[in-house]
Protein backbone atom coordinates (compact mmCIF):
# COMPACT_ATOMS: atom_id res chain seq x y z
CA MET A 1 0.18 0.04 0.10
CA SER A 2 1.78 3.47 -0.91
CA SER A 3 2.26 6.22 1.70
CA LEU A 4 -0.16 8.18 -0.69
CA SER A 5 -3.19 5.88 0.41
CA ARG A 6 -2.30 5.63 4.02
CA LEU A 7 -4.93 7.02 6.66
CA PRO A 8 -4.00 9.32 9.37
CA PHE A 9 -5.81 7.13 12.36
CA GLU A 10 -3.73 3.59 10.89
CA LYS A 11 -0.43 5.81 11.86
CA GLU A 12 0.76 3.00 14.65
CA ILE A 13 -0.51 -0.11 12.17
CA TYR A 14 1.58 1.33 9.29
CA ALA A 15 4.58 1.38 11.60
CA LEU A 16 4.04 -2.10 12.81
CA GLU A 17 3.09 -3.20 9.46
CA ASP A 18 6.46 -2.01 8.11
CA LEU A 19 8.08 -3.02 11.04
CA LEU A 20 6.79 -7.31 10.20
CA ALA A 21 7.62 -6.34 6.39
CA SER A 22 11.53 -5.62 7.45
CA LEU A 23 11.76 -8.52 10.05
CA GLU A 24 10.24 -11.07 7.60
CA THR A 25 12.75 -9.49 5.21
CA LYS A 26 15.96 -10.61 7.35
CA GLU A 27 14.35 -14.15 8.10
CA GLY A 28 14.31 -14.68 4.35
CA GLY A 29 11.08 -15.11 4.01
CA GLU A 30 10.20 -17.91 6.82
CA LYS A 31 6.84 -16.61 7.94
CA GLY A 32 6.47 -17.30 11.35
CA SER A 33 9.95 -18.20 12.25
CA SER A 34 10.46 -16.35 15.48
CA GLU A 35 8.70 -15.40 18.45
CA GLU A 36 8.50 -11.70 17.51
CA ILE A 37 7.42 -11.92 14.32
CA ARG A 38 4.05 -13.74 15.72
CA ARG A 39 3.95 -10.93 18.43
CA ILE A 40 4.14 -8.37 16.20
CA ARG A 41 1.00 -10.37 14.12
CA LYS A 42 -0.93 -10.00 17.02
CA GLU A 43 -0.32 -7.09 17.75
CA ILE A 44 -1.32 -5.69 14.31
CA ALA A 45 -4.28 -7.37 14.72
CA SER A 46 -5.49 -6.34 18.09
CA LEU A 47 -4.84 -2.85 17.26
CA LYS A 48 -6.61 -3.23 13.73
CA LYS A 49 -9.79 -4.43 15.87
CA THR A 50 -9.67 -1.61 18.48
CA LYS A 51 -9.40 1.32 15.78
CA PHE A 52 -11.86 0.10 13.72
CA ASN A 53 -14.11 -0.79 16.03
CA ASN A 54 -14.03 2.63 17.07
CA LEU A 55 -13.83 4.53 14.52
CA THR A 56 -15.39 8.78 14.34
CA ALA A 57 -17.83 9.45 11.82
CA TRP A 58 -15.69 11.65 10.04
CA GLU A 59 -13.05 8.18 9.86
CA THR A 60 -15.45 6.14 8.42
CA VAL A 61 -16.02 8.53 6.04
CA GLN A 62 -11.81 8.49 5.24
CA VAL A 63 -12.15 4.98 4.97
CA SER A 64 -15.47 4.59 2.32
CA ARG A 65 -13.23 7.31 0.13
CA HIS A 66 -9.71 4.98 0.43
CA PRO A 67 -8.43 4.86 -3.07
CA ASP A 68 -7.59 1.01 -2.95
CA ARG A 69 -11.31 0.42 -2.15
CA PRO A 70 -13.59 -2.08 -4.23
CA GLN A 71 -15.46 -0.32 -7.09
CA LEU A 72 -18.38 -1.35 -8.67
CA LEU A 73 -15.87 -3.11 -11.59
CA ASP A 74 -13.63 -5.00 -9.20
CA TYR A 75 -17.01 -6.55 -7.99
CA VAL A 76 -17.74 -7.44 -11.32
CA GLU A 77 -14.38 -9.23 -11.65
CA MET A 78 -14.49 -11.20 -8.12
CA ILE A 79 -18.55 -12.19 -8.11
CA PHE A 80 -20.56 -11.98 -11.15
CA GLU A 81 -19.96 -13.67 -13.82
CA ASP A 82 -21.64 -12.77 -17.64
CA PHE A 83 -21.04 -9.26 -17.48
CA VAL A 84 -22.72 -7.56 -20.81
CA GLU A 85 -22.34 -3.86 -20.55
CA LEU A 86 -25.26 -1.30 -21.78
CA HIS A 87 -24.33 1.68 -23.33
CA GLY A 88 -26.25 4.73 -23.81
CA ASP A 89 -29.31 6.48 -22.45
CA ARG A 90 -31.15 7.07 -25.85
CA ALA A 91 -31.52 10.55 -25.67
CA PHE A 92 -27.89 12.48 -25.01
CA GLY A 93 -24.79 10.12 -24.88
CA ASP A 94 -23.39 7.19 -22.30
CA ASP A 95 -22.85 8.44 -18.94
CA ARG A 96 -19.13 6.65 -17.10
CA ALA A 97 -20.05 7.03 -14.22
CA LEU A 98 -23.08 4.79 -13.97
CA ARG A 99 -22.36 1.69 -15.42
CA THR A 100 -25.32 -1.17 -16.25
CA GLY A 101 -25.21 -4.49 -17.84
CA PHE A 102 -26.32 -7.57 -17.19
CA ALA A 103 -24.76 -10.18 -15.20
CA ARG A 104 -24.89 -13.01 -13.46
CA VAL A 105 -24.31 -14.26 -10.07
CA GLY A 106 -24.80 -17.91 -8.52
CA GLU A 107 -27.98 -18.92 -9.96
CA PHE A 108 -29.35 -15.98 -10.69
CA ARG A 109 -29.22 -13.48 -14.33
CA VAL A 110 -29.53 -10.29 -12.84
CA MET A 111 -29.56 -6.82 -14.00
CA LEU A 112 -26.82 -4.62 -12.21
CA MET A 113 -25.94 -1.28 -12.23
CA GLY A 114 -23.63 1.44 -9.96
CA HIS A 115 -21.71 4.03 -9.80
CA GLN A 116 -17.69 3.41 -10.54
CA LYS A 117 -15.18 6.08 -9.70
CA GLY A 118 -11.90 4.61 -10.99
CA HIS A 119 -8.47 4.01 -9.65
CA THR A 120 -6.50 5.83 -11.92
CA LEU A 121 -6.61 9.53 -12.00
CA GLN A 122 -7.29 9.04 -15.95
CA GLU A 123 -10.07 6.76 -15.26
CA ARG A 124 -11.12 9.03 -12.07
CA GLN A 125 -11.29 12.05 -14.75
CA GLU A 126 -13.51 9.72 -17.29
CA CYS A 127 -15.63 8.46 -14.76
CA MET A 128 -16.08 12.28 -13.40
CA TYR A 129 -15.33 10.73 -10.11
CA GLY A 130 -18.64 8.55 -9.41
CA CYS A 131 -20.18 11.77 -10.14
CA ALA A 132 -23.49 10.89 -12.89
CA HIS A 133 -24.96 12.64 -15.21
CA PRO A 134 -28.91 12.76 -16.12
CA GLU A 135 -27.58 10.72 -19.26
CA GLY A 136 -26.23 7.95 -16.36
CA TYR A 137 -30.19 8.14 -14.20
CA ARG A 138 -31.66 7.30 -17.55
CA LYS A 139 -29.73 5.17 -18.30
CA ALA A 140 -30.75 3.21 -15.56
CA LEU A 141 -33.59 4.25 -15.57
CA LYS A 142 -34.02 2.43 -19.52
CA ASN A 143 -32.54 -0.71 -17.94
CA MET A 144 -34.35 -1.54 -14.87
CA LYS A 145 -37.78 -1.47 -17.30
CA LEU A 146 -35.68 -3.76 -19.37
CA ALA A 147 -35.48 -5.93 -16.01
CA GLU A 148 -38.51 -5.86 -15.29
CA LYS A 149 -39.76 -6.96 -18.57
CA PHE A 150 -37.58 -10.10 -18.44
CA ASN A 151 -38.21 -10.49 -14.43
CA LEU A 152 -34.48 -9.67 -13.81
CA PRO A 153 -33.80 -9.25 -10.34
CA VAL A 154 -32.06 -5.25 -10.20
CA ILE A 155 -28.68 -4.84 -7.91
CA CYS A 156 -27.52 -1.84 -7.36
CA LEU A 157 -23.96 -0.92 -5.89
CA ILE A 158 -23.88 2.54 -4.66
CA ASP A 159 -20.39 4.26 -4.46
CA THR A 160 -20.91 8.10 -5.24
CA PRO A 161 -20.45 11.65 -3.55
CA GLY A 162 -23.33 13.17 -5.09
CA ALA A 163 -24.37 13.32 -9.03
CA PHE A 164 -22.82 15.42 -11.30
CA PRO A 165 -23.40 19.17 -10.28
CA GLY A 166 -21.90 21.37 -13.03
CA ILE A 167 -24.18 23.36 -15.03
CA GLY A 168 -24.85 20.83 -17.86
CA ALA A 169 -26.05 19.05 -15.91
CA GLU A 170 -29.22 21.02 -14.28
CA GLU A 171 -29.66 22.11 -17.38
CA ARG A 172 -30.72 18.52 -18.97
CA GLY A 173 -32.77 18.25 -15.96
CA GLN A 174 -30.48 16.49 -13.09
CA SER A 175 -32.90 16.90 -10.06
CA ALA A 176 -36.09 15.70 -12.02
CA LEU A 177 -34.75 12.81 -13.46
CA ILE A 178 -33.26 11.74 -9.95
CA ALA A 179 -36.74 12.26 -8.76
CA ASN A 180 -38.40 10.29 -11.19
CA ASN A 181 -36.14 7.71 -10.56
CA ILE A 182 -37.14 7.18 -7.47
CA LEU A 183 -40.51 7.54 -8.24
CA GLU A 184 -40.11 4.46 -10.42
CA MET A 185 -38.14 2.15 -8.58
CA THR A 186 -40.92 2.31 -5.31
CA ARG A 187 -43.73 -0.16 -8.44
CA LEU A 188 -40.69 -1.67 -10.42
CA ALA A 189 -42.27 -4.97 -11.26
CA THR A 190 -39.35 -7.19 -9.55
CA PRO A 191 -36.69 -7.71 -7.17
CA VAL A 192 -34.31 -4.64 -6.25
CA ILE A 193 -31.11 -4.49 -4.35
CA CYS A 194 -29.24 -1.66 -2.90
CA VAL A 195 -25.92 -1.91 -1.38
CA VAL A 196 -23.69 0.96 -0.23
CA ILE A 197 -20.07 -0.24 -0.74
CA GLY A 198 -18.52 3.23 -0.28
CA GLU A 199 -20.01 6.81 -0.69
CA GLY A 200 -23.87 7.17 -0.66
CA GLY A 201 -24.41 11.10 -1.09
CA SER A 202 -27.14 12.96 -1.74
CA GLY A 203 -29.94 12.36 -4.67
CA GLY A 204 -26.36 10.99 -6.94
CA ALA A 205 -27.00 7.23 -4.40
CA LEU A 206 -30.78 8.26 -3.82
CA GLY A 207 -31.57 8.08 -7.61
CA ILE A 208 -30.48 4.20 -7.76
CA GLY A 209 -31.42 3.55 -4.20
CA VAL A 210 -34.41 2.42 -3.59
CA GLY A 211 -35.44 -0.92 -3.28
CA ASP A 212 -36.61 -4.01 -1.48
CA ARG A 213 -33.49 -4.40 0.29
CA VAL A 214 -30.77 -1.52 1.42
CA CYS A 215 -28.14 -2.74 2.68
CA MET A 216 -24.32 -0.75 3.14
CA LEU A 217 -20.80 -1.84 4.15
CA GLU A 218 -19.61 -2.16 8.01
CA PHE A 219 -17.19 1.48 6.43
CA ALA A 220 -19.12 3.01 3.91
CA TYR A 221 -21.24 5.90 5.06
CA TYR A 222 -24.87 6.89 3.57
CA SER A 223 -25.98 10.73 3.84
CA VAL A 224 -28.24 13.19 2.74
CA ILE A 225 -25.43 15.81 1.85
CA SER A 226 -21.46 14.94 2.24
CA PRO A 227 -19.50 16.70 5.99
CA GLU A 228 -17.96 18.93 3.62
CA GLY A 229 -21.10 20.43 2.15
CA CYS A 230 -22.56 20.28 5.45
CA ALA A 231 -19.77 22.63 6.92
CA GLY A 232 -19.44 24.70 3.86
CA ILE A 233 -23.45 25.90 4.29
CA LEU A 234 -23.72 25.45 7.86
CA TRP A 235 -19.83 27.24 8.57
CA LYS A 236 -19.25 28.72 5.66
CA THR A 237 -15.85 26.76 5.55
CA ALA A 238 -14.87 22.92 5.20
CA ASN A 239 -11.43 22.19 8.10
CA GLU A 240 -10.40 19.82 10.39
CA THR A 241 -12.99 21.08 13.24
CA THR A 242 -16.13 21.90 11.43
CA LYS A 243 -15.80 18.06 8.77
CA PRO A 244 -15.57 16.22 11.58
CA THR A 245 -18.45 18.23 13.71
CA ALA A 246 -20.91 17.73 10.43
CA ALA A 247 -20.16 14.31 9.91
CA GLU A 248 -20.98 13.33 13.45
CA ALA A 249 -24.45 15.23 12.90
CA LEU A 250 -25.33 13.89 10.12
CA ARG A 251 -25.38 10.51 12.10
CA LEU A 252 -24.28 8.81 8.48
CA THR A 253 -22.20 5.65 9.80
CA SER A 254 -23.66 2.38 8.98
CA ARG A 255 -23.91 1.58 13.02
CA ASP A 256 -26.63 5.30 13.10
CA LEU A 257 -28.25 3.87 10.26
CA SER A 258 -29.31 0.60 10.87
CA ARG A 259 -30.53 1.48 14.27
CA LEU A 260 -32.78 4.49 12.88
CA GLY A 261 -33.69 2.04 10.55
CA VAL A 262 -32.55 3.50 7.15
CA VAL A 263 -30.63 0.15 5.72
CA ASP A 264 -32.16 -3.19 6.62
CA HIS A 265 -29.05 -5.19 6.92
CA VAL A 266 -24.99 -3.93 7.44
CA ILE A 267 -22.68 -6.21 6.07
CA MET A 268 -19.53 -6.99 7.89
CA GLU A 269 -16.17 -5.95 6.55
CA PRO A 270 -12.76 -7.59 6.70
CA LEU A 271 -10.45 -6.58 9.95
CA GLY A 272 -8.91 -3.26 8.74
CA GLY A 273 -11.43 -2.70 5.65
CA ALA A 274 -11.76 -3.46 2.84
CA HIS A 275 -9.39 -2.24 0.68
CA ARG A 276 -7.12 -4.56 3.04
CA ASP A 277 -9.00 -7.61 2.01
CA PRO A 278 -10.71 -7.18 -1.51
CA LYS A 279 -11.21 -10.79 -2.11
CA GLU A 280 -13.13 -11.34 1.69
CA ILE A 281 -14.92 -8.51 1.50
CA GLY A 282 -16.73 -9.42 -2.49
CA ASN A 283 -17.39 -13.82 -1.14
CA THR A 284 -19.35 -12.18 1.92
CA LEU A 285 -20.83 -9.73 -0.45
CA LYS A 286 -21.40 -12.59 -3.11
CA ALA A 287 -23.18 -14.38 0.78
CA SER A 288 -25.10 -11.47 1.25
CA LEU A 289 -26.54 -10.42 -2.19
CA LEU A 290 -27.47 -14.60 -2.90
CA LYS A 291 -29.45 -14.88 0.56
CA MET A 292 -31.38 -11.83 -0.44
CA LEU A 293 -32.17 -13.02 -3.92
CA ARG A 294 -33.54 -16.45 -2.33
CA GLU A 295 -35.99 -14.34 0.19
CA LEU A 296 -37.11 -11.82 -2.46
CA VAL A 297 -37.57 -13.96 -6.39
CA THR A 298 -40.05 -16.45 -3.97
CA ILE A 299 -42.57 -13.12 -2.68
CA PRO A 300 -45.66 -12.47 -5.16
CA VAL A 301 -45.22 -9.49 -6.83
CA ALA A 302 -47.81 -7.56 -5.44
CA GLU A 303 -46.78 -8.12 -1.80
CA LEU A 304 -42.68 -6.79 -3.10
CA LEU A 305 -44.59 -3.79 -3.79
CA GLU A 306 -46.64 -3.25 -0.37
CA GLN A 307 -43.48 -4.40 1.42
CA ARG A 308 -41.24 -2.12 -0.63
CA TYR A 309 -44.03 0.88 -0.38
CA MET A 310 -44.43 0.05 3.13
CA LYS A 311 -40.82 -0.05 4.35
CA PHE A 312 -40.06 3.70 3.25
CA ARG A 313 -43.08 4.82 4.44
CA LYS A 314 -42.40 3.98 7.80
CA MET A 315 -38.72 5.73 8.00
CA GLY A 316 -38.99 9.17 9.88
CA VAL A 317 -42.40 8.01 12.41
CA TYR A 318 -41.65 8.75 15.84
CA LEU A 319 -44.06 8.70 19.04
CA GLU A 320 -44.38 11.28 21.42
CA ASN A 321 -44.25 10.20 25.32
CA GLU A 322 -47.56 9.95 27.00
CA SER A 323 -47.41 13.39 28.69
CA GLN A 324 -46.72 15.12 25.90
CA ASN A 325 -50.02 13.95 24.74
CA GLN A 326 -51.60 14.57 27.75
CA SER A 327 -50.88 17.87 28.40
CA ALA A 328 -51.37 18.97 24.64
CA GLY A 329 -55.12 17.69 24.78
CA SER A 330 -55.77 19.73 28.12
CA ALA A 331 -54.95 23.14 25.99
């Protein structure tokens, strides 16, 4: 792992890992041959567990943005087969930030879609850093309708800081298209599974984020706005003080959202995050997707749509305590 991709709060872990690598080199590649090496390995595992079990909201955001974290096309390589990408929206162009296509996972043929950020600078520029344009959301909906026609479940892997904020995107109806996607996904007559694999920012995430099961990886985040955007609005500046404060206030971590009932399931990541063991998180994600698909395909469409509707209707419901009700009644 390059020094450029090392997260600040992992400084102690990196120091121990560098020491371990040095000792293993001196031992001539015979891993585990000395008591010191075994001790350091145990210490690294313990330190990772302590650090990652107690991440702040802002540290979670940093992990979700790690440049080595698996993205849509990485998961296509690891867990999906026979992927055939579908291009274009039949109206304007082909958005490279939001990819869609036929695929197979286990015994299921599915319509797969999701955001792609890119790993290299050239890839990130081509993909607009995962910020989709209107044509991306139009393409996604077109292919969701195609999946509905052929009775294919839809899988959406979400990883975006938000929809592209350019003037051209607004002129082409960005907000209206996202709103239309949300509406159409509520009544799509086929199973829909949404998983936040990294960043789940604003309407950019919601444009493909309405489903029968909405899940997220352990160190992903899902929020109405990024911490930087929130800090910029509230305090007119996004710095090392305001960003963590905003992240904490937004309740954007998997722990918070699971408690609030916004997500149905949290998919646990390998020790130290998905970027440290892409193969393991790939296997875990595949197992979770297959379990959900097997549950959803057995549900009649009418019942599926009713459950989906009620799932989102119940979000944000709260009860006032009795004393408040009594005082309101006497007044």
